[in-house]
Amino acid sequence: MAEQREAETIILLKKSGKPTVKLELFASEQWADPMARPGVHRVRKGGIHGGKFLPEGQAGLVFYHLPDVLGMLGAEILGQPNPLEDQPAPHPMLREGSRCRWKAALAGPFLDALPHAVQCFAKSSPIRAYSGQWMICLTGGVGFVPCAEVTPLDHFGRPIPWPQEQEASPCS
């Protein structure tokens, strides 16, 4: 069944020798979702006669701010992959109530030597932010941070490796 919602903006990109790419922006108010707020859009990318919502394969709804849409358009013009689609999935052990360590990314060459890790608990399961990045809410006044900066911990405070890392390690 074809999409019945009406696109707010349609961008057609024609590059010489390549098929026309169409980006359609749908206002978020057309969806009944708590993340659907004014000023954000769902983006559908495809050919002239259809397409798929970005990021492809995402189960939930993802809404983008206009600067992120412009970044997608720039990547399409340059022939590069969409930087927002390549966000790695969060660690499977990051979920509500899990013990974790947040190590903030500090700017500056001399700040890396300072201890800047906080041990806390997850207040929520990971969610996909407007920009497509995975975020998680942490206790202790930390708030929402990128999942890439969070490491899940076991009961003793040791980091939990990814399941792929456990399978790849040789048994002794």
C-alpha atoms as a PDB file:
ATOM      1  CA  MET A   1       0.000   0.000   0.000  1.00  0.00           C
ATOM      2  CA  ALA A   2       1.369   3.392  -0.951  1.00  0.00           C
ATOM      3  CA  GLU A   3       2.066   6.109   1.614  1.00  0.00           C
ATOM      4  CA  GLN A   4      -1.094   8.165   2.181  1.00  0.00           C
ATOM      5  CA  ARG A   5       0.581  10.997   4.077  1.00  0.00           C
ATOM      6  CA  GLU A   6       1.469  14.089   2.119  1.00  0.00           C
ATOM      7  CA  ALA A   7       5.103  15.134   1.808  1.00  0.00           C
ATOM      8  CA  GLU A   8       5.835  18.650   3.028  1.00  0.00           C
ATOM      9  CA  THR A   9       8.956  19.049   0.850  1.00  0.00           C
ATOM     10  CA  ILE A  10      10.272  17.061  -2.101  1.00  0.00           C
ATOM     11  CA  ILE A  11      13.895  17.372  -3.229  1.00  0.00           C
ATOM     12  CA  LEU A  12      14.893  15.872  -6.579  1.00  0.00           C
ATOM     13  CA  LEU A  13      18.616  15.386  -7.156  1.00  0.00           C
ATOM     14  CA  LYS A  14      19.729  14.681 -10.706  1.00  0.00           C
ATOM     15  CA  LYS A  15      23.410  13.937 -11.320  1.00  0.00           C
ATOM     16  CA  SER A  16      24.656  13.401 -14.850  1.00  0.00           C
ATOM     17  CA  GLY A  17      24.615   9.732 -15.814  1.00  0.00           C
ATOM     18  CA  LYS A  18      22.920   8.672 -12.562  1.00  0.00           C
ATOM     19  CA  PRO A  19      19.260   7.984 -11.782  1.00  0.00           C
ATOM     20  CA  THR A  20      17.299  10.764 -10.096  1.00  0.00           C
ATOM     21  CA  VAL A  21      17.220  10.545  -6.294  1.00  0.00           C
ATOM     22  CA  LYS A  22      14.190  11.833  -4.457  1.00  0.00           C
ATOM     23  CA  LEU A  23      14.168  12.926  -0.809  1.00  0.00           C
ATOM     24  CA  GLU A  24      10.725  13.506   0.671  1.00  0.00           C
ATOM     25  CA  LEU A  25      10.261  15.291   3.998  1.00  0.00           C
ATOM     26  CA  PHE A  26       7.140  14.484   5.992  1.00  0.00           C
ATOM     27  CA  ALA A  27       6.116  16.695   8.920  1.00  0.00           C
ATOM     28  CA  SER A  28       6.338  14.793  12.205  1.00  0.00           C
ATOM     29  CA  GLU A  29       2.857  15.891  13.262  1.00  0.00           C
ATOM     30  CA  GLN A  30       1.438  13.316  10.846  1.00  0.00           C
ATOM     31  CA  TRP A  31       2.500  10.488  13.213  1.00  0.00           C
ATOM     32  CA  ALA A  32       1.093   9.732  16.657  1.00  0.00           C
ATOM     33  CA  ASP A  33       4.425   9.214  18.392  1.00  0.00           C
ATOM     34  CA  PRO A  34       5.948  10.858  21.503  1.00  0.00           C
ATOM     35  CA  MET A  35       9.109  11.718  19.496  1.00  0.00           C
ATOM     36  CA  ALA A  36       7.019  13.535  16.853  1.00  0.00           C
ATOM     37  CA  ARG A  37       7.516  17.187  17.733  1.00  0.00           C
ATOM     38  CA  PRO A  38       7.267  20.329  15.607  1.00  0.00           C
ATOM     39  CA  GLY A  39      10.349  21.093  13.547  1.00  0.00           C
ATOM     40  CA  VAL A  40      11.425  17.509  12.876  1.00  0.00           C
ATOM     41  CA  HIS A  41      10.704  15.353   9.837  1.00  0.00           C
ATOM     42  CA  ARG A  42      10.667  11.775   8.640  1.00  0.00           C
ATOM     43  CA  VAL A  43      12.704  11.368   5.482  1.00  0.00           C
ATOM     44  CA  ARG A  44      11.928   8.968   2.662  1.00  0.00           C
ATOM     45  CA  LYS A  45      14.624   8.364   0.060  1.00  0.00           C
ATOM     46  CA  GLY A  46      14.187   6.617  -3.233  1.00  0.00           C
ATOM     47  CA  GLY A  47      13.528   6.999  -6.912  1.00  0.00           C
ATOM     48  CA  ILE A  48      10.805   8.989  -8.615  1.00  0.00           C
ATOM     49  CA  HIS A  49       8.091   6.413  -7.889  1.00  0.00           C
ATOM     50  CA  GLY A  50       8.593   5.551  -4.231  1.00  0.00           C
ATOM     51  CA  GLY A  51      11.251   4.868  -1.654  1.00  0.00           C
ATOM     52  CA  LYS A  52      11.944   3.814   1.919  1.00  0.00           C
ATOM     53  CA  PHE A  53      12.037   5.780   5.139  1.00  0.00           C
ATOM     54  CA  LEU A  54      15.498   6.430   6.580  1.00  0.00           C
ATOM     55  CA  PRO A  55      17.299   4.762   8.204  1.00  0.00           C
ATOM     56  CA  GLU A  56      16.391   1.609   6.338  1.00  0.00           C
ATOM     57  CA  GLY A  57      15.688  -1.436   8.489  1.00  0.00           C
ATOM     58  CA  GLN A  58      14.861   0.654  11.567  1.00  0.00           C
ATOM     59  CA  ALA A  59      11.900  -0.777  13.465  1.00  0.00           C
ATOM     60  CA  GLY A  60      10.826   2.471  15.162  1.00  0.00           C
ATOM     61  CA  LEU A  61      10.212   5.944  13.852  1.00  0.00           C
ATOM     62  CA  VAL A  62      13.227   8.225  13.389  1.00  0.00           C
ATOM     63  CA  PHE A  63      12.772  11.966  12.966  1.00  0.00           C
ATOM     64  CA  TYR A  64      15.451  14.360  11.690  1.00  0.00           C
ATOM     65  CA  HIS A  65      16.129  18.068  12.215  1.00  0.00           C
ATOM     66  CA  LEU A  66      16.619  20.140   9.060  1.00  0.00           C
ATOM     67  CA  PRO A  67      20.436  20.468   9.528  1.00  0.00           C
ATOM     68  CA  ASP A  68      20.638  16.662   9.538  1.00  0.00           C
ATOM     69  CA  VAL A  69      18.580  16.539   6.341  1.00  0.00           C
ATOM     70  CA  LEU A  70      20.987  19.019   4.749  1.00  0.00           C
ATOM     71  CA  GLY A  71      23.874  16.764   5.801  1.00  0.00           C
ATOM     72  CA  MET A  72      22.118  13.831   4.094  1.00  0.00           C
ATOM     73  CA  LEU A  73      21.670  15.908   0.953  1.00  0.00           C
ATOM     74  CA  GLY A  74      25.336  16.935   0.978  1.00  0.00           C
ATOM     75  CA  ALA A  75      26.437  13.315   1.373  1.00  0.00           C
ATOM     76  CA  GLU A  76      24.191  12.331  -1.530  1.00  0.00           C
ATOM     77  CA  ILE A  77      25.662  15.068  -3.737  1.00  0.00           C
ATOM     78  CA  LEU A  78      29.215  13.945  -2.910  1.00  0.00           C
ATOM     79  CA  GLY A  79      28.304  10.290  -3.439  1.00  0.00           C
ATOM     80  CA  GLN A  80      29.095   9.337   0.158  1.00  0.00           C
ATOM     81  CA  PRO A  81      26.990   7.127   2.440  1.00  0.00           C
ATOM     82  CA  ASN A  82      24.602   8.829   4.827  1.00  0.00           C
ATOM     83  CA  PRO A  83      26.597   9.423   8.039  1.00  0.00           C
ATOM     84  CA  LEU A  84      23.467   9.097  10.176  1.00  0.00           C
ATOM     85  CA  GLU A  85      22.648   5.588   8.917  1.00  0.00           C
ATOM     86  CA  ASP A  86      25.961   4.112  10.001  1.00  0.00           C
ATOM     87  CA  GLN A  87      25.427   4.484  13.749  1.00  0.00           C
ATOM     88  CA  PRO A  88      26.411   1.193  15.404  1.00  0.00           C
ATOM     89  CA  ALA A  89      23.788  -0.541  17.517  1.00  0.00           C
ATOM     90  CA  PRO A  90      24.205  -0.119  21.284  1.00  0.00           C
ATOM     91  CA  HIS A  91      25.657  -2.869  23.461  1.00  0.00           C
ATOM     92  CA  PRO A  92      22.992  -5.551  24.078  1.00  0.00           C
ATOM     93  CA  MET A  93      23.505  -5.301  27.861  1.00  0.00           C
ATOM     94  CA  LEU A  94      22.629  -1.572  27.926  1.00  0.00           C
ATOM     95  CA  ARG A  95      19.054  -1.493  29.155  1.00  0.00           C
ATOM     96  CA  GLU A  96      17.008   0.092  31.897  1.00  0.00           C
ATOM     97  CA  GLY A  97      18.434  -0.591  35.352  1.00  0.00           C
ATOM     98  CA  SER A  98      21.825  -1.829  34.145  1.00  0.00           C
ATOM     99  CA  ARG A  99      24.991  -0.698  35.908  1.00  0.00           C
ATOM    100  CA  CYS A 100      27.280   1.213  33.564  1.00  0.00           C
ATOM    101  CA  ARG A 101      30.222   3.577  33.272  1.00  0.00           C
ATOM    102  CA  TRP A 102      30.036   6.812  31.300  1.00  0.00           C
ATOM    103  CA  LYS A 103      33.288   8.253  30.055  1.00  0.00           C
ATOM    104  CA  ALA A 104      32.658  11.679  28.592  1.00  0.00           C
ATOM    105  CA  ALA A 105      34.565  12.705  25.513  1.00  0.00           C
ATOM    106  CA  LEU A 106      36.586  15.730  26.615  1.00  0.00           C
ATOM    107  CA  ALA A 107      38.010  18.226  24.170  1.00  0.00           C
ATOM    108  CA  GLY A 108      41.659  19.132  24.504  1.00  0.00           C
ATOM    109  CA  PRO A 109      44.945  17.235  24.434  1.00  0.00           C
ATOM    110  CA  PHE A 110      45.665  17.660  28.157  1.00  0.00           C
ATOM    111  CA  LEU A 111      42.215  16.698  29.442  1.00  0.00           C
ATOM    112  CA  ASP A 112      42.547  13.001  28.532  1.00  0.00           C
ATOM    113  CA  ALA A 113      44.814  12.433  31.547  1.00  0.00           C
ATOM    114  CA  LEU A 114      42.100  13.567  33.969  1.00  0.00           C
ATOM    115  CA  PRO A 115      39.740  10.986  35.465  1.00  0.00           C
ATOM    116  CA  HIS A 116      36.383  11.706  33.903  1.00  0.00           C
ATOM    117  CA  ALA A 117      34.414   8.462  34.175  1.00  0.00           C
ATOM    118  CA  VAL A 118      31.174   8.210  36.151  1.00  0.00           C
ATOM    119  CA  GLN A 119      29.670   4.951  37.379  1.00  0.00           C
ATOM    120  CA  CYS A 120      25.875   5.040  37.431  1.00  0.00           C
ATOM    121  CA  PHE A 121      22.722   3.186  36.380  1.00  0.00           C
ATOM    122  CA  ALA A 122      20.644   3.438  33.222  1.00  0.00           C
ATOM    123  CA  LYS A 123      17.282   5.160  33.726  1.00  0.00           C
ATOM    124  CA  SER A 124      16.013   4.061  30.311  1.00  0.00           C
ATOM    125  CA  SER A 125      16.739   1.629  27.530  1.00  0.00           C
ATOM    126  CA  PRO A 126      18.628   3.030  24.521  1.00  0.00           C
ATOM    127  CA  ILE A 127      16.544   5.178  22.199  1.00  0.00           C
ATOM    128  CA  ARG A 128      17.235   6.485  18.722  1.00  0.00           C
ATOM    129  CA  ALA A 129      17.538  10.289  18.826  1.00  0.00           C
ATOM    130  CA  TYR A 130      16.318  12.650  16.111  1.00  0.00           C
ATOM    131  CA  SER A 131      19.726  12.540  14.465  1.00  0.00           C
ATOM    132  CA  GLY A 132      19.738   8.746  14.290  1.00  0.00           C
ATOM    133  CA  GLN A 133      22.309   8.425  17.093  1.00  0.00           C
ATOM    134  CA  TRP A 134      21.663   5.930  19.934  1.00  0.00           C
ATOM    135  CA  MET A 135      21.244   7.680  23.316  1.00  0.00           C
ATOM    136  CA  ILE A 136      20.629   6.437  26.858  1.00  0.00           C
ATOM    137  CA  CYS A 137      19.486   8.271  29.992  1.00  0.00           C
ATOM    138  CA  LEU A 138      21.730   7.802  33.049  1.00  0.00           C
ATOM    139  CA  THR A 139      21.136   8.484  36.757  1.00  0.00           C
ATOM    140  CA  GLY A 140      23.126  10.831  38.962  1.00  0.00           C
ATOM    141  CA  GLY A 141      22.275  13.987  37.054  1.00  0.00           C
ATOM    142  CA  VAL A 142      24.057  12.813  33.917  1.00  0.00           C
ATOM    143  CA  GLY A 143      20.976  12.742  31.654  1.00  0.00           C
ATOM    144  CA  PHE A 144      20.990  11.581  28.021  1.00  0.00           C
ATOM    145  CA  VAL A 145      24.395  10.647  26.594  1.00  0.00           C
ATOM    146  CA  PRO A 146      25.480   8.789  23.435  1.00  0.00           C
ATOM    147  CA  CYS A 147      25.594   5.001  23.896  1.00  0.00           C
ATOM    148  CA  ALA A 148      29.065   4.991  22.329  1.00  0.00           C
ATOM    149  CA  GLU A 149      30.370   6.693  25.514  1.00  0.00           C
ATOM    150  CA  VAL A 150      28.752   4.131  27.881  1.00  0.00           C
ATOM    151  CA  THR A 151      30.184   0.763  28.955  1.00  0.00           C
ATOM    152  CA  PRO A 152      27.934  -1.801  30.702  1.00  0.00           C
ATOM    153  CA  LEU A 153      29.337  -3.227  33.962  1.00  0.00           C
ATOM    154  CA  ASP A 154      28.726  -6.464  35.843  1.00  0.00           C
ATOM    155  CA  HIS A 155      27.904  -6.678  39.586  1.00  0.00           C
ATOM    156  CA  PHE A 156      31.572  -6.217  40.492  1.00  0.00           C
ATOM    157  CA  GLY A 157      32.101  -3.134  38.307  1.00  0.00           C
ATOM    158  CA  ARG A 158      33.980  -4.945  35.530  1.00  0.00           C
ATOM    159  CA  PRO A 159      33.202  -4.100  31.886  1.00  0.00           C
ATOM    160  CA  ILE A 160      30.999  -6.609  30.056  1.00  0.00           C
ATOM    161  CA  PRO A 161      32.473  -7.483  26.639  1.00  0.00           C
ATOM    162  CA  TRP A 162      30.331  -7.747  23.534  1.00  0.00           C
ATOM    163  CA  PRO A 163      29.051 -11.311  22.883  1.00  0.00           C
ATOM    164  CA  GLN A 164      31.060 -11.383  19.617  1.00  0.00           C
ATOM    165  CA  GLU A 165      34.258 -10.687  21.613  1.00  0.00           C
ATOM    166  CA  GLN A 166      33.530 -13.569  24.017  1.00  0.00           C
ATOM    167  CA  GLU A 167      33.026 -16.021  21.136  1.00  0.00           C
ATOM    168  CA  ALA A 168      36.186 -14.858  19.340  1.00  0.00           C
ATOM    169  CA  SER A 169      38.481 -15.168  22.373  1.00  0.00           C
ATOM    170  CA  PRO A 170      40.383 -18.484  22.575  1.00  0.00           C
ATOM    171  CA  CYS A 171      39.711 -20.725  25.570  1.00  0.00           C
ATOM    172  CA  SER A 172      42.663 -21.411  27.834  1.00  0.00           C
END
